[in-house]
N, C-alpha and C. Protein backbone atom coordinates (compact mmCIF):
# COMPACT_ATOMS: atom_id res chain seq x y z
N MET A 1 26.20 -6.98 3.43
CA MET A 1 26.28 -5.75 3.98
C MET A 1 26.69 -4.64 3.07
N ALA A 2 25.91 -3.56 3.03
CA ALA A 2 26.12 -2.45 2.21
C ALA A 2 26.56 -1.15 2.91
N VAL A 3 27.55 -0.52 2.38
CA VAL A 3 28.08 0.72 3.07
C VAL A 3 27.93 1.86 1.96
N THR A 4 27.39 2.99 2.32
CA THR A 4 27.33 4.12 1.47
C THR A 4 28.11 5.32 2.07
N LEU A 5 28.81 5.85 1.38
CA LEU A 5 29.62 7.00 1.77
C LEU A 5 29.07 8.24 1.10
N LEU A 6 28.83 9.28 1.78
CA LEU A 6 28.31 10.53 1.23
C LEU A 6 29.26 11.62 1.37
N GLN A 7 29.56 12.35 0.32
CA GLN A 7 30.43 13.44 0.34
C GLN A 7 29.59 14.68 -0.01
N GLY A 8 30.19 15.84 0.49
CA GLY A 8 29.55 17.18 0.06
C GLY A 8 28.41 17.51 1.05
N PRO A 9 27.52 18.54 0.50
CA PRO A 9 26.52 19.11 1.44
C PRO A 9 25.42 18.12 1.91
N ALA A 10 25.16 17.13 1.10
CA ALA A 10 24.11 15.96 1.47
C ALA A 10 24.65 15.36 2.75
N ALA A 11 25.91 15.10 2.88
CA ALA A 11 26.33 14.32 4.03
C ALA A 11 26.28 15.10 5.38
N ALA A 12 26.37 16.41 5.17
CA ALA A 12 26.26 17.22 6.37
C ALA A 12 24.93 17.79 6.77
N ALA A 13 23.95 17.60 5.84
CA ALA A 13 22.53 18.18 6.02
C ALA A 13 21.90 17.49 7.21
N PRO A 14 21.42 18.43 8.02
CA PRO A 14 20.67 17.78 9.24
C PRO A 14 19.36 17.10 8.76
N GLN A 15 18.99 16.01 9.44
CA GLN A 15 17.77 15.37 9.09
C GLN A 15 16.57 15.94 9.84
N HIS A 16 15.54 16.53 9.12
CA HIS A 16 14.38 17.19 9.89
C HIS A 16 13.30 16.10 10.23
N LYS A 17 12.76 16.15 11.43
CA LYS A 17 11.64 15.25 11.78
C LYS A 17 10.48 15.79 11.10
N PRO A 18 9.44 15.03 10.71
CA PRO A 18 8.18 15.62 10.21
C PRO A 18 7.50 16.48 11.31
N ALA A 19 6.81 17.48 10.91
CA ALA A 19 6.11 18.30 11.93
C ALA A 19 5.06 17.56 12.56
N LYS A 20 4.89 17.58 13.91
CA LYS A 20 3.90 16.93 14.67
C LYS A 20 2.56 17.63 14.50
N PRO A 21 1.56 16.99 14.21
CA PRO A 21 0.27 17.64 13.97
C PRO A 21 -0.16 18.39 15.23
N GLU A 22 -0.74 19.47 15.02
CA GLU A 22 -1.30 20.37 16.17
C GLU A 22 -2.53 19.61 16.89
N ALA A 23 -2.44 19.59 18.17
CA ALA A 23 -3.41 18.98 18.93
C ALA A 23 -4.75 19.88 18.88
N ALA A 24 -6.01 19.27 18.83
CA ALA A 24 -7.18 19.94 18.84
C ALA A 24 -7.27 20.75 20.26
N THR A 25 -7.75 21.96 20.16
CA THR A 25 -8.05 22.70 21.40
C THR A 25 -9.52 22.95 21.55
N THR A 26 -10.43 22.64 20.53
CA THR A 26 -11.80 22.77 20.71
C THR A 26 -12.42 21.44 19.93
N ALA A 27 -13.61 21.11 20.40
CA ALA A 27 -14.41 20.02 19.83
C ALA A 27 -15.90 20.39 19.91
N ALA A 28 -16.66 19.86 19.04
CA ALA A 28 -18.11 20.25 18.91
C ALA A 28 -18.93 19.93 20.22
N ASP A 29 -18.68 18.81 20.86
CA ASP A 29 -19.39 18.48 22.00
C ASP A 29 -18.53 17.72 22.97
N ILE A 30 -19.15 17.29 24.14
CA ILE A 30 -18.36 16.78 25.22
C ILE A 30 -17.81 15.39 24.82
N PRO A 31 -18.52 14.47 24.13
CA PRO A 31 -17.99 13.20 23.75
C PRO A 31 -16.67 13.46 22.82
N SER A 32 -16.90 14.17 21.90
CA SER A 32 -15.77 14.45 20.98
C SER A 32 -14.53 15.11 21.69
N ALA A 33 -14.74 15.98 22.59
CA ALA A 33 -13.79 16.73 23.44
C ALA A 33 -13.08 15.69 24.35
N LYS A 34 -13.82 14.71 24.90
CA LYS A 34 -13.20 13.64 25.73
C LYS A 34 -12.25 12.83 24.79
N VAL A 35 -12.54 12.48 23.58
CA VAL A 35 -11.68 11.69 22.68
C VAL A 35 -10.45 12.49 22.40
N ALA A 36 -10.65 13.70 22.07
CA ALA A 36 -9.55 14.68 21.57
C ALA A 36 -8.60 14.87 22.77
N ALA A 37 -9.14 15.08 23.96
CA ALA A 37 -8.20 15.37 25.16
C ALA A 37 -7.53 14.12 25.47
N ARG A 38 -8.14 12.95 25.44
CA ARG A 38 -7.34 11.73 25.70
C ARG A 38 -6.23 11.51 24.68
N LEU A 39 -6.49 11.79 23.46
CA LEU A 39 -5.47 11.46 22.50
C LEU A 39 -4.37 12.54 22.50
N SER A 40 -4.66 13.75 22.82
CA SER A 40 -3.68 14.83 22.79
C SER A 40 -2.98 14.98 24.10
N GLY A 41 -3.59 14.52 25.23
CA GLY A 41 -2.95 14.81 26.50
C GLY A 41 -3.12 16.23 26.99
N LYS A 42 -3.97 16.91 26.36
CA LYS A 42 -4.31 18.34 26.89
C LYS A 42 -5.67 18.54 26.92
N ARG A 43 -6.10 19.62 27.68
CA ARG A 43 -7.60 19.91 27.81
C ARG A 43 -8.11 20.51 26.47
N VAL A 44 -9.41 20.13 26.29
CA VAL A 44 -10.18 20.58 24.99
C VAL A 44 -11.37 21.18 25.35
N GLU A 45 -11.66 22.31 24.74
CA GLU A 45 -12.89 23.09 25.02
C GLU A 45 -14.16 22.30 24.34
N ALA A 46 -15.28 22.16 25.03
CA ALA A 46 -16.51 21.48 24.39
C ALA A 46 -17.30 22.77 24.05
N LEU A 47 -17.36 23.04 22.66
CA LEU A 47 -18.01 24.11 22.15
C LEU A 47 -19.55 24.16 22.42
N SER A 48 -20.15 22.87 22.57
CA SER A 48 -21.62 22.86 22.77
C SER A 48 -22.00 23.41 24.10
N GLU A 49 -21.07 23.54 25.08
CA GLU A 49 -21.30 23.96 26.39
C GLU A 49 -20.95 25.55 26.58
N ARG A 50 -20.44 26.15 25.52
CA ARG A 50 -20.06 27.59 25.68
C ARG A 50 -21.13 28.49 25.79
N THR A 51 -21.04 29.43 26.67
CA THR A 51 -22.12 30.45 26.75
C THR A 51 -21.31 31.81 26.84
N GLU A 52 -22.06 32.88 26.86
CA GLU A 52 -21.39 34.27 26.93
C GLU A 52 -20.60 34.46 28.21
N THR A 53 -21.01 33.63 29.26
CA THR A 53 -20.25 33.82 30.53
C THR A 53 -19.43 32.63 30.93
N SER A 54 -19.43 31.47 30.18
CA SER A 54 -18.70 30.33 30.63
C SER A 54 -18.05 29.60 29.51
N THR A 55 -16.97 28.84 29.87
CA THR A 55 -16.34 28.05 29.03
C THR A 55 -16.08 26.71 29.68
N THR A 56 -16.40 25.54 29.05
CA THR A 56 -16.26 24.14 29.57
C THR A 56 -15.12 23.43 28.89
N TRP A 57 -14.28 22.89 29.70
CA TRP A 57 -13.22 22.12 29.10
C TRP A 57 -13.23 20.68 29.60
N VAL A 58 -12.82 19.83 28.66
CA VAL A 58 -12.66 18.46 29.11
C VAL A 58 -11.13 18.23 29.24
N ASN A 59 -10.71 17.77 30.56
CA ASN A 59 -9.41 17.55 30.91
C ASN A 59 -8.97 16.27 30.32
N LYS A 60 -7.59 16.06 30.34
CA LYS A 60 -7.02 14.82 29.76
C LYS A 60 -7.44 13.59 30.36
N ASP A 61 -7.83 13.62 31.72
CA ASP A 61 -8.34 12.57 32.41
C ASP A 61 -9.81 12.25 32.31
N GLY A 62 -10.52 13.07 31.46
CA GLY A 62 -11.97 13.02 31.13
C GLY A 62 -12.84 13.77 32.03
N SER A 63 -12.23 14.48 33.06
CA SER A 63 -13.08 15.25 33.99
C SER A 63 -13.39 16.53 33.21
N LEU A 64 -14.31 17.24 33.66
CA LEU A 64 -14.82 18.58 33.22
C LEU A 64 -14.36 19.73 34.08
N THR A 65 -14.19 20.82 33.50
CA THR A 65 -13.77 22.10 34.20
C THR A 65 -14.57 23.25 33.54
N THR A 66 -15.30 23.87 34.26
CA THR A 66 -16.15 25.09 33.78
C THR A 66 -15.51 26.21 34.37
N GLU A 67 -15.11 27.26 33.59
CA GLU A 67 -14.67 28.56 33.99
C GLU A 67 -15.80 29.55 33.79
N MET A 68 -16.22 30.15 34.77
CA MET A 68 -17.32 31.13 34.75
C MET A 68 -16.89 32.60 35.08
N SER A 69 -17.45 33.47 34.39
CA SER A 69 -17.14 34.89 34.53
C SER A 69 -18.35 35.71 35.01
N ALA A 70 -18.14 36.77 35.83
CA ALA A 70 -19.27 37.47 36.34
C ALA A 70 -20.04 38.30 35.19
N GLY A 71 -19.36 38.57 34.12
CA GLY A 71 -19.98 39.27 33.01
C GLY A 71 -19.56 38.56 31.64
N PRO A 72 -20.23 39.04 30.59
CA PRO A 72 -20.00 38.33 29.29
C PRO A 72 -18.49 38.38 28.90
N VAL A 73 -17.95 37.28 28.39
CA VAL A 73 -16.57 37.34 27.90
C VAL A 73 -16.67 37.17 26.28
N ARG A 74 -17.81 36.93 25.77
CA ARG A 74 -17.96 36.77 24.31
C ARG A 74 -19.38 37.38 24.03
N PHE A 75 -19.51 37.93 22.86
CA PHE A 75 -20.84 38.40 22.49
C PHE A 75 -20.88 38.70 20.99
N GLU A 76 -22.04 38.76 20.42
CA GLU A 76 -22.16 39.08 18.97
C GLU A 76 -22.27 40.70 18.89
N ARG A 77 -21.60 41.19 17.85
CA ARG A 77 -21.59 42.55 17.50
C ARG A 77 -22.17 42.76 16.13
N ASP A 78 -23.25 43.29 15.95
CA ASP A 78 -23.85 43.44 14.56
C ASP A 78 -23.93 42.15 13.71
N GLY A 79 -24.29 41.03 14.46
CA GLY A 79 -24.40 39.72 13.78
C GLY A 79 -23.14 39.04 13.57
N ASP A 80 -21.98 39.62 13.89
CA ASP A 80 -20.70 38.94 13.68
C ASP A 80 -20.28 38.04 14.86
């Protein structure tokens, strides 16, 4: 059995947990979004389904939710 005693600032320094990686919020297509949503436990947008008036999300249970707007919510301005 080994015992180590620390003195000084090192003994009192709090131990930091490694940063948790950010969960994906978008994925290229529905299959990729389903995997990302299942792994993250959060909804993930399927970019292949995005239009100027709708956004489609894959929920953590694998179901889809599409949010639709009466008018455009995204558009290109001068090619940007």
